[in-house]
Structures are given as structure tokens and as C-alpha cells.
Amino acid sequence: MSFEASFKALSDPVRREILQILKNGRLSAGEIGRHFEMTGATISYHLNILKKAGLIWEEKEKNFIYYDLNTSVLEEIMSWLINLEGNRNDKEE
């Protein structure tokens, strides 16, 4: 996982909304797409960026592909952000 890819993926409000939707559990691309007024190709584009950043993963089941959060990557990002703030607080004291 690269932070650059993760932060680039997180910079788009549609992708952040997809992550919010997936926090309730895995969904297919069609189920995710129902939350937006955009083409299936556009949803696939956003899902691909999230996958490349390691923020979600896909699982193939019969004729469907389901997407789910990769919480370990999200935890790594959160840990880095907390450490960043912790380092700043250490300097202020």
C-alpha cells in the first residue's frame, strides 16, 4: 500500500461515499451504483482506484463480484495520522 495512492483515492468525494456505503458490509458494483446517478463504467472506475489503493478488496462469488472495506489499510492510515499528530504534540511540550 502506498500512502500516495490511498490519499489520491480518498481525495474524491464519490470514493469517500463508496467507503461510507461499504462500512455496512460487502456489496456488488450494481448495489453500490444504486446510490449514485452515474454510469456503471464510472462506478467501476472509482472501484478500481479504491482497489489499487488497497482500500477495498473484491471477492468473486458465482457470477458476481462483491466489494468490501480493507480495514487493515484504513487502520494503517489512521495510525500514521495519529502518530503525525502525536509528534506535533511532543514538540509543543
N, C-alpha and C. Protein backbone atom coordinates (compact mmCIF):
# COMPACT_ATOMS: atom_id res chain seq x y z
N MET A 1 0.85 -1.18 0.00
CA MET A 1 0.00 0.00 0.00
C MET A 1 0.89 1.23 0.00
N SER A 2 0.55 2.18 -0.84
CA SER A 2 1.28 3.44 -0.81
C SER A 2 0.33 4.51 -0.30
N PHE A 3 0.85 5.35 0.56
CA PHE A 3 0.03 6.45 1.07
C PHE A 3 -0.41 7.36 -0.06
N GLU A 4 0.45 7.54 -1.06
CA GLU A 4 0.11 8.41 -2.19
C GLU A 4 -1.16 7.91 -2.88
N ALA A 5 -1.22 6.61 -3.17
CA ALA A 5 -2.40 6.04 -3.83
C ALA A 5 -3.63 6.13 -2.92
N SER A 6 -3.42 5.90 -1.63
CA SER A 6 -4.54 5.94 -0.68
C SER A 6 -5.10 7.35 -0.58
N PHE A 7 -4.23 8.33 -0.42
CA PHE A 7 -4.72 9.70 -0.28
C PHE A 7 -5.33 10.21 -1.59
N LYS A 8 -4.78 9.78 -2.72
CA LYS A 8 -5.38 10.16 -4.01
C LYS A 8 -6.79 9.58 -4.09
N ALA A 9 -6.94 8.32 -3.71
CA ALA A 9 -8.25 7.69 -3.74
C ALA A 9 -9.22 8.39 -2.79
N LEU A 10 -8.74 8.79 -1.63
CA LEU A 10 -9.59 9.44 -0.64
C LEU A 10 -9.92 10.89 -0.99
N SER A 11 -9.21 11.46 -1.96
CA SER A 11 -9.42 12.87 -2.29
C SER A 11 -10.74 13.11 -3.04
N ASP A 12 -11.33 12.06 -3.57
CA ASP A 12 -12.56 12.22 -4.34
C ASP A 12 -13.79 11.94 -3.47
N PRO A 13 -14.77 12.84 -3.47
CA PRO A 13 -15.96 12.65 -2.62
C PRO A 13 -16.78 11.42 -2.99
N VAL A 14 -16.80 11.03 -4.25
CA VAL A 14 -17.55 9.82 -4.64
C VAL A 14 -16.90 8.59 -4.01
N ARG A 15 -15.59 8.53 -4.06
CA ARG A 15 -14.89 7.37 -3.48
C ARG A 15 -15.04 7.34 -1.96
N ARG A 16 -15.03 8.51 -1.33
CA ARG A 16 -15.27 8.54 0.12
C ARG A 16 -16.68 8.05 0.44
N GLU A 17 -17.65 8.42 -0.39
CA GLU A 17 -19.02 7.97 -0.19
C GLU A 17 -19.13 6.45 -0.38
N ILE A 18 -18.42 5.92 -1.36
CA ILE A 18 -18.41 4.46 -1.56
C ILE A 18 -17.88 3.77 -0.31
N LEU A 19 -16.83 4.30 0.29
CA LEU A 19 -16.30 3.71 1.53
C LEU A 19 -17.34 3.77 2.64
N GLN A 20 -18.05 4.89 2.74
CA GLN A 20 -19.11 5.02 3.75
C GLN A 20 -20.19 3.95 3.52
N ILE A 21 -20.56 3.73 2.28
CA ILE A 21 -21.58 2.74 1.96
C ILE A 21 -21.10 1.34 2.34
N LEU A 22 -19.82 1.06 2.07
CA LEU A 22 -19.28 -0.28 2.33
C LEU A 22 -19.04 -0.55 3.82
N LYS A 23 -19.09 0.46 4.65
CA LYS A 23 -18.86 0.21 6.08
C LYS A 23 -19.97 -0.67 6.66
N ASN A 24 -21.10 -0.75 5.97
CA ASN A 24 -22.21 -1.59 6.43
C ASN A 24 -22.11 -3.03 5.93
N GLY A 25 -21.12 -3.32 5.10
CA GLY A 25 -20.94 -4.68 4.60
C GLY A 25 -20.69 -4.70 3.11
N ARG A 26 -20.33 -5.85 2.62
CA ARG A 26 -19.97 -6.01 1.22
C ARG A 26 -21.16 -5.84 0.30
N LEU A 27 -20.88 -5.28 -0.88
CA LEU A 27 -21.91 -5.05 -1.89
C LEU A 27 -21.34 -5.30 -3.27
N SER A 28 -22.22 -5.58 -4.21
CA SER A 28 -21.80 -5.69 -5.61
C SER A 28 -21.70 -4.29 -6.20
N ALA A 29 -21.08 -4.20 -7.37
CA ALA A 29 -20.96 -2.89 -8.04
C ALA A 29 -22.33 -2.32 -8.35
N GLY A 30 -23.27 -3.17 -8.75
CA GLY A 30 -24.62 -2.71 -9.04
C GLY A 30 -25.31 -2.14 -7.81
N GLU A 31 -25.12 -2.81 -6.67
CA GLU A 31 -25.71 -2.31 -5.43
C GLU A 31 -25.09 -0.98 -5.02
N ILE A 32 -23.80 -0.85 -5.23
CA ILE A 32 -23.12 0.42 -4.93
C ILE A 32 -23.63 1.50 -5.88
N GLY A 33 -23.75 1.16 -7.15
CA GLY A 33 -24.18 2.11 -8.17
C GLY A 33 -25.57 2.68 -7.93
N ARG A 34 -26.43 1.94 -7.24
CA ARG A 34 -27.78 2.44 -6.96
C ARG A 34 -27.79 3.68 -6.07
N HIS A 35 -26.69 3.93 -5.39
CA HIS A 35 -26.59 5.10 -4.51
C HIS A 35 -26.18 6.36 -5.27
N PHE A 36 -25.86 6.23 -6.55
CA PHE A 36 -25.33 7.34 -7.33
C PHE A 36 -26.09 7.49 -8.64
N GLU A 37 -26.04 8.67 -9.20
CA GLU A 37 -26.59 8.91 -10.53
C GLU A 37 -25.43 9.01 -11.51
N MET A 38 -24.82 7.86 -11.79
CA MET A 38 -23.71 7.80 -12.74
C MET A 38 -23.70 6.42 -13.38
N THR A 39 -22.98 6.31 -14.47
CA THR A 39 -22.95 5.06 -15.23
C THR A 39 -22.21 3.96 -14.46
N GLY A 40 -22.48 2.74 -14.85
CA GLY A 40 -21.77 1.61 -14.28
C GLY A 40 -20.28 1.69 -14.54
N ALA A 41 -19.91 2.21 -15.71
CA ALA A 41 -18.49 2.36 -16.04
C ALA A 41 -17.80 3.33 -15.09
N THR A 42 -18.51 4.40 -14.73
CA THR A 42 -17.93 5.37 -13.80
C THR A 42 -17.77 4.76 -12.41
N ILE A 43 -18.76 3.99 -11.97
CA ILE A 43 -18.66 3.31 -10.67
C ILE A 43 -17.47 2.35 -10.70
N SER A 44 -17.33 1.59 -11.79
CA SER A 44 -16.20 0.66 -11.93
C SER A 44 -14.87 1.39 -11.87
N TYR A 45 -14.80 2.56 -12.49
CA TYR A 45 -13.59 3.38 -12.45
C TYR A 45 -13.22 3.72 -11.00
N HIS A 46 -14.20 4.19 -10.23
CA HIS A 46 -13.93 4.55 -8.83
C HIS A 46 -13.57 3.32 -8.00
N LEU A 47 -14.25 2.20 -8.24
CA LEU A 47 -13.93 0.98 -7.51
C LEU A 47 -12.51 0.52 -7.82
N ASN A 48 -12.09 0.66 -9.07
CA ASN A 48 -10.75 0.26 -9.47
C ASN A 48 -9.68 1.10 -8.75
N ILE A 49 -9.92 2.39 -8.65
CA ILE A 49 -8.96 3.26 -7.93
C ILE A 49 -8.89 2.87 -6.46
N LEU A 50 -10.04 2.60 -5.85
CA LEU A 50 -10.06 2.17 -4.44
C LEU A 50 -9.35 0.84 -4.26
N LYS A 51 -9.52 -0.08 -5.22
CA LYS A 51 -8.83 -1.37 -5.16
C LYS A 51 -7.33 -1.19 -5.29
N LYS A 52 -6.89 -0.40 -6.25
CA LYS A 52 -5.45 -0.18 -6.45
C LYS A 52 -4.81 0.46 -5.22
N ALA A 53 -5.58 1.27 -4.51
CA ALA A 53 -5.07 1.91 -3.29
C ALA A 53 -5.11 0.95 -2.11
N GLY A 54 -5.74 -0.20 -2.28
CA GLY A 54 -5.82 -1.17 -1.20
C GLY A 54 -6.90 -0.86 -0.17
N LEU A 55 -7.77 0.09 -0.48
CA LEU A 55 -8.81 0.48 0.48
C LEU A 55 -10.00 -0.46 0.47
N ILE A 56 -10.19 -1.16 -0.65
CA ILE A 56 -11.24 -2.17 -0.72
C ILE A 56 -10.66 -3.41 -1.38
N TRP A 57 -11.36 -4.51 -1.24
CA TRP A 57 -10.99 -5.71 -1.98
C TRP A 57 -12.24 -6.30 -2.60
N GLU A 58 -12.00 -7.15 -3.57
CA GLU A 58 -13.12 -7.78 -4.25
C GLU A 58 -13.09 -9.27 -4.02
N GLU A 59 -14.28 -9.85 -4.00
CA GLU A 59 -14.42 -11.29 -3.83
C GLU A 59 -15.42 -11.78 -4.88
N LYS A 60 -14.97 -12.71 -5.70
CA LYS A 60 -15.84 -13.25 -6.74
C LYS A 60 -16.64 -14.40 -6.16
N GLU A 61 -17.94 -14.35 -6.41
CA GLU A 61 -18.85 -15.39 -5.93
C GLU A 61 -19.85 -15.69 -7.04
N LYS A 62 -19.71 -16.84 -7.64
CA LYS A 62 -20.52 -17.23 -8.80
C LYS A 62 -20.38 -16.18 -9.89
N ASN A 63 -21.46 -15.52 -10.30
CA ASN A 63 -21.39 -14.53 -11.38
C ASN A 63 -21.27 -13.11 -10.88
N PHE A 64 -21.02 -12.94 -9.59
CA PHE A 64 -20.98 -11.60 -9.01
C PHE A 64 -19.62 -11.31 -8.41
N ILE A 65 -19.28 -10.03 -8.35
CA ILE A 65 -18.09 -9.56 -7.65
C ILE A 65 -18.59 -8.66 -6.54
N TYR A 66 -18.18 -8.97 -5.32
CA TYR A 66 -18.56 -8.18 -4.16
C TYR A 66 -17.35 -7.39 -3.68
N TYR A 67 -17.62 -6.19 -3.20
CA TYR A 67 -16.58 -5.29 -2.71
C TYR A 67 -16.78 -5.08 -1.22
N ASP A 68 -15.65 -5.01 -0.51
CA ASP A 68 -15.68 -4.83 0.94
C ASP A 68 -14.50 -3.96 1.35
N LEU A 69 -14.63 -3.32 2.50
CA LEU A 69 -13.54 -2.48 3.02
C LEU A 69 -12.35 -3.34 3.40
N ASN A 70 -11.18 -2.83 3.16
CA ASN A 70 -9.95 -3.43 3.66
C ASN A 70 -9.56 -2.63 4.90
N THR A 71 -10.04 -3.06 6.03
CA THR A 71 -9.86 -2.27 7.25
C THR A 71 -8.41 -2.19 7.69
N SER A 72 -7.58 -3.16 7.33
CA SER A 72 -6.18 -3.10 7.75
C SER A 72 -5.47 -1.90 7.14
N VAL A 73 -5.78 -1.57 5.88
CA VAL A 73 -5.17 -0.40 5.25
C VAL A 73 -5.70 0.87 5.90
N LEU A 74 -7.00 0.91 6.16
CA LEU A 74 -7.57 2.08 6.83
C LEU A 74 -6.97 2.27 8.22
N GLU A 75 -6.74 1.18 8.93
CA GLU A 75 -6.11 1.26 10.26
C GLU A 75 -4.68 1.78 10.15
N GLU A 76 -3.96 1.36 9.12
CA GLU A 76 -2.59 1.83 8.91
C GLU A 76 -2.55 3.34 8.65
N ILE A 77 -3.50 3.82 7.85
CA ILE A 77 -3.58 5.26 7.57
C ILE A 77 -3.91 6.02 8.85
N MET A 78 -4.88 5.51 9.60
CA MET A 78 -5.28 6.17 10.87
C MET A 78 -4.11 6.20 11.84
N SER A 79 -3.39 5.11 11.93
CA SER A 79 -2.23 5.05 12.83
C SER A 79 -1.19 6.08 12.42
N TRP A 80 -0.94 6.20 11.14
CA TRP A 80 0.03 7.18 10.65
C TRP A 80 -0.42 8.60 11.01
N LEU A 81 -1.71 8.89 10.81
CA LEU A 81 -2.23 10.22 11.12
C LEU A 81 -2.15 10.51 12.62
N ILE A 82 -2.46 9.53 13.44
CA ILE A 82 -2.38 9.71 14.89
C ILE A 82 -0.94 9.95 15.31
N ASN A 83 -0.01 9.20 14.73
CA ASN A 83 1.42 9.40 15.03
C ASN A 83 1.89 10.78 14.60
N LEU A 84 1.39 11.24 13.48
CA LEU A 84 1.75 12.57 12.99
C LEU A 84 1.33 13.63 14.00
N GLU A 85 0.11 13.54 14.49
CA GLU A 85 -0.38 14.48 15.49
C GLU A 85 0.39 14.31 16.80
N GLY A 86 0.69 13.07 17.16
CA GLY A 86 1.45 12.82 18.38
C GLY A 86 2.82 13.45 18.34
N ASN A 87 3.48 13.40 17.19
CA ASN A 87 4.80 14.01 17.05
C ASN A 87 4.71 15.52 17.21
N ARG A 88 3.67 16.10 16.72
CA ARG A 88 3.49 17.55 16.85
C ARG A 88 3.25 17.94 18.31
N ASN A 89 2.42 17.17 18.99
CA ASN A 89 2.16 17.44 20.40
C ASN A 89 3.42 17.28 21.25
N ASP A 90 4.28 16.34 20.90
CA ASP A 90 5.54 16.15 21.63
C ASP A 90 6.43 17.39 21.51
N LYS A 91 6.44 18.05 20.36
CA LYS A 91 7.27 19.23 20.15
C LYS A 91 6.75 20.44 20.90
N GLU A 92 5.43 20.51 21.10
CA GLU A 92 4.84 21.67 21.74
C GLU A 92 5.07 21.68 23.26
N GLU A 93 5.36 20.54 23.83
CA GLU A 93 5.50 20.47 25.30
C GLU A 93 6.86 20.91 25.76
